[in-house]
């Protein structure tokens, strides 16, 4: 009798949890393809989109004082002493170079030539059932498994068959359940769930 009551309470709790209202602009997807990415990460030829935390090397040819490393700040801008803040979030490096060229032409440099390169990618985040959850520097060709290894490995209760990845995709936060070999992108948040048994 007591077991039956416990089972009924569990069903009620699950029903209430399923009816709970989620807040915020988060879309849930069933697989990695829902991100607009190929199954193993970025689709072929997909340009990298800049966001807060990216560190850029901007070279202004013939202007040694302006050539420097600049970080995209929390507002999504880079600030160069001569021209002030310039929006970088949502742009590719080529688009940012074009925007900077236009700003420099507005009475600062007659015929500016510059290049923008990514010096350091923004970090990724890993939460849940890993030894040391937190923020870590992104490394090239990283998968969920690699990210887990960087965070000290799985905890004893971790679900090792997959993870949930949250990614900013065209201004909207997307979440999807992905396999361990799924390719991680800078700025992703990986959540390793807890197994039940």
Protein backbone atom coordinates (compact mmCIF):
# COMPACT_ATOMS: atom_id res chain seq x y z
CA UNK A 1 0.00 0.00 0.00
CA UNK A 2 2.80 2.40 0.92
CA UNK A 3 4.59 1.58 -2.36
CA UNK A 4 1.41 2.37 -4.31
CA UNK A 5 1.11 5.80 -2.64
CA UNK A 6 4.75 6.55 -3.36
CA UNK A 7 4.22 5.65 -7.01
CA UNK A 8 1.13 7.92 -7.24
CA UNK A 9 3.05 10.81 -5.64
CA UNK A 10 5.87 10.31 -8.13
CA UNK A 11 3.43 10.43 -11.06
CA UNK A 12 1.81 13.61 -9.72
CA UNK A 13 5.22 15.26 -9.26
CA UNK A 14 6.20 14.37 -12.82
CA UNK A 15 2.91 15.73 -14.16
CA UNK A 16 3.34 19.01 -12.26
CA UNK A 17 6.94 19.32 -13.45
CA UNK A 18 5.83 18.77 -17.04
CA UNK A 19 3.26 21.55 -16.73
CA UNK A 20 5.73 24.03 -15.23
CA UNK A 21 6.15 27.10 -17.39
CA UNK A 22 9.59 27.74 -18.79
CA UNK A 23 10.75 31.33 -18.94
CA UNK A 24 13.12 33.05 -21.32
CA UNK A 25 13.68 32.72 -25.06
CA UNK A 26 14.94 29.14 -25.05
CA UNK A 27 14.09 26.72 -27.83
CA UNK A 28 14.41 22.99 -27.31
CA UNK A 29 15.64 20.76 -30.09
CA UNK A 30 15.75 17.00 -30.47
CA UNK A 31 19.18 16.74 -31.99
CA UNK A 32 22.26 18.63 -33.17
CA UNK A 33 20.81 19.28 -36.62
CA UNK A 34 18.25 21.62 -35.05
CA UNK A 35 21.03 24.13 -34.37
CA UNK A 36 21.56 24.73 -38.04
CA UNK A 37 24.89 22.92 -37.69
CA UNK A 38 25.90 19.66 -39.25
CA UNK A 39 25.93 16.63 -36.96
CA UNK A 40 29.59 17.14 -36.11
CA UNK A 41 29.54 20.89 -35.51
CA UNK A 42 29.73 23.77 -37.95
CA UNK A 43 28.51 23.18 -41.47
CA UNK A 44 31.21 23.31 -44.12
CA UNK A 45 32.25 26.88 -44.82
CA UNK A 46 30.20 28.32 -41.92
CA UNK A 47 31.95 31.54 -40.76
CA UNK A 48 32.71 32.08 -37.09
CA UNK A 49 30.44 34.66 -35.42
CA UNK A 50 32.02 36.96 -32.83
CA UNK A 51 30.59 37.44 -29.35
CA UNK A 52 31.57 38.58 -25.84
CA UNK A 53 34.79 37.01 -24.60
CA UNK A 54 36.51 36.65 -27.98
CA UNK A 55 39.97 38.25 -28.07
CA UNK A 56 40.96 39.75 -31.42
CA UNK A 57 44.26 40.81 -32.96
CA UNK A 58 43.61 43.91 -35.04
CA UNK A 59 46.45 45.04 -37.28
CA UNK A 60 46.18 48.52 -38.79
CA UNK A 61 48.93 48.64 -41.41
CA UNK A 62 51.15 51.71 -41.08
CA UNK A 63 49.63 52.61 -37.69
CA UNK A 64 51.68 50.82 -35.03
CA UNK A 65 49.90 52.63 -32.18
CA UNK A 66 46.52 51.17 -33.21
CA UNK A 67 47.72 47.62 -33.83
CA UNK A 68 46.85 45.68 -30.68
CA UNK A 69 44.79 42.92 -29.06
CA UNK A 70 41.20 43.83 -28.24
CA UNK A 71 38.57 41.86 -26.32
CA UNK A 72 34.88 41.85 -27.21
CA UNK A 73 33.29 43.20 -24.04
CA UNK A 74 30.03 42.22 -22.31
CA UNK A 75 28.10 44.69 -24.46
CA UNK A 76 29.49 43.05 -27.63
CA UNK A 77 31.82 45.93 -28.54
CA UNK A 78 35.54 46.45 -29.00
CA UNK A 79 36.98 49.82 -28.02
CA UNK A 80 39.83 51.39 -29.98
CA UNK A 81 41.25 54.60 -28.54
CA UNK A 82 41.02 56.66 -31.74
CA UNK A 83 37.48 55.72 -32.82
CA UNK A 84 35.80 54.51 -29.61
CA UNK A 85 33.46 51.50 -29.31
CA UNK A 86 32.55 49.46 -32.40
CA UNK A 87 29.91 46.70 -32.38
CA UNK A 88 31.48 43.26 -32.95
CA UNK A 89 28.81 40.84 -31.66
CA UNK A 90 27.11 38.93 -34.45
CA UNK A 91 29.74 39.82 -37.05
CA UNK A 92 32.38 37.73 -38.78
CA UNK A 93 35.99 38.90 -38.69
CA UNK A 94 35.64 40.13 -42.30
CA UNK A 95 32.48 42.10 -41.47
CA UNK A 96 34.19 43.66 -38.45
CA UNK A 97 37.21 44.60 -40.60
CA UNK A 98 34.86 46.33 -43.04
CA UNK A 99 33.08 48.20 -40.19
CA UNK A 100 36.42 49.32 -38.73
CA UNK A 101 37.65 50.47 -42.13
CA UNK A 102 34.55 52.67 -42.50
CA UNK A 103 35.01 54.15 -39.02
CA UNK A 104 38.69 54.94 -39.64
CA UNK A 105 37.79 56.65 -42.95
CA UNK A 106 35.56 59.14 -41.09
CA UNK A 107 38.34 61.71 -40.66
CA UNK A 108 40.90 59.53 -38.84
CA UNK A 109 42.95 57.68 -41.49
CA UNK A 110 42.83 58.57 -45.19
CA UNK A 111 43.16 55.10 -46.70
CA UNK A 112 43.03 52.48 -43.90
CA UNK A 113 44.14 48.89 -44.46
CA UNK A 114 43.61 46.45 -41.62
CA UNK A 115 43.11 42.83 -40.70
CA UNK A 116 41.14 41.16 -37.90
CA UNK A 117 42.16 37.74 -36.56
CA UNK A 118 40.87 35.73 -33.64
CA UNK A 119 43.61 35.52 -31.02
CA UNK A 120 41.64 33.60 -28.36
CA UNK A 121 38.14 32.16 -28.61
CA UNK A 122 35.58 32.86 -25.88
CA UNK A 123 35.44 30.18 -23.16
CA UNK A 124 32.98 27.31 -22.88
CA UNK A 125 31.12 26.28 -19.72
CA UNK A 126 30.50 22.81 -18.33
CA UNK A 127 28.03 22.01 -15.56
CA UNK A 128 26.54 19.00 -13.84
CA UNK A 129 28.13 15.64 -13.16
CA UNK A 130 31.80 16.37 -13.81
CA UNK A 131 34.66 16.55 -11.31
CA UNK A 132 35.32 20.30 -11.70
CA UNK A 133 32.42 22.19 -13.34
CA UNK A 134 33.12 25.74 -14.47
CA UNK A 135 34.45 27.95 -17.26
CA UNK A 136 37.38 26.78 -19.41
CA UNK A 137 39.34 28.10 -22.41
CA UNK A 138 38.14 26.72 -25.73
CA UNK A 139 40.51 24.53 -27.75
CA UNK A 140 40.16 23.62 -31.41
CA UNK A 141 38.26 20.48 -32.45
CA UNK A 142 36.74 20.06 -29.00
CA UNK A 143 33.98 17.49 -28.46
CA UNK A 144 31.73 16.95 -25.45
CA UNK A 145 34.06 14.12 -24.33
CA UNK A 146 37.10 16.40 -24.61
CA UNK A 147 35.31 19.06 -22.57
CA UNK A 148 34.52 16.49 -19.88
CA UNK A 149 38.19 15.48 -19.78
CA UNK A 150 39.22 19.14 -19.37
CA UNK A 151 36.78 19.38 -16.44
CA UNK A 152 38.44 16.44 -14.67
CA UNK A 153 36.27 13.61 -16.04
CA UNK A 154 32.83 12.29 -15.20
CA UNK A 155 31.59 12.11 -11.61
CA UNK A 156 30.55 8.62 -10.37
CA UNK A 157 26.85 9.42 -10.99
CA UNK A 158 27.26 10.92 -14.48
CA UNK A 159 25.20 9.90 -17.46
CA UNK A 160 27.92 9.13 -20.01
CA UNK A 161 25.77 8.45 -23.08
CA UNK A 162 25.29 12.13 -23.95
CA UNK A 163 24.90 15.70 -22.75
CA UNK A 164 22.76 18.78 -23.19
CA UNK A 165 24.35 21.68 -25.07
CA UNK A 166 23.03 25.25 -24.89
CA UNK A 167 24.14 27.55 -27.69
CA UNK A 168 23.36 31.07 -28.82
CA UNK A 169 22.16 30.67 -32.39
CA UNK A 170 21.21 33.89 -34.23
CA UNK A 171 20.32 35.62 -30.97
CA UNK A 172 18.21 32.75 -29.62
CA UNK A 173 19.33 30.28 -26.98
CA UNK A 174 18.99 26.72 -28.31
CA UNK A 175 19.24 23.53 -26.26
CA UNK A 176 19.72 20.05 -27.60
CA UNK A 177 20.63 16.58 -26.37
CA UNK A 178 23.80 15.50 -28.16
CA UNK A 179 26.11 12.46 -28.24
CA UNK A 180 29.57 12.46 -26.56
CA UNK A 181 31.36 12.98 -29.90
CA UNK A 182 29.40 16.16 -30.72
CA UNK A 183 31.64 19.11 -31.60
CA UNK A 184 31.55 21.97 -29.09
CA UNK A 185 31.70 25.64 -30.11
CA UNK A 186 33.09 28.63 -28.19
CA UNK A 187 30.52 29.98 -25.74
CA UNK A 188 28.60 26.69 -25.47
CA UNK A 189 27.29 25.51 -22.12
CA UNK A 190 27.50 21.73 -21.67
CA UNK A 191 25.39 20.07 -18.99
CA UNK A 192 26.19 16.49 -17.97
CA UNK A 193 23.14 14.87 -16.43
CA UNK A 194 22.86 12.46 -13.53
CA UNK A 195 22.00 8.83 -14.22
CA UNK A 196 19.17 7.29 -12.27
CA UNK A 197 20.64 3.82 -11.76
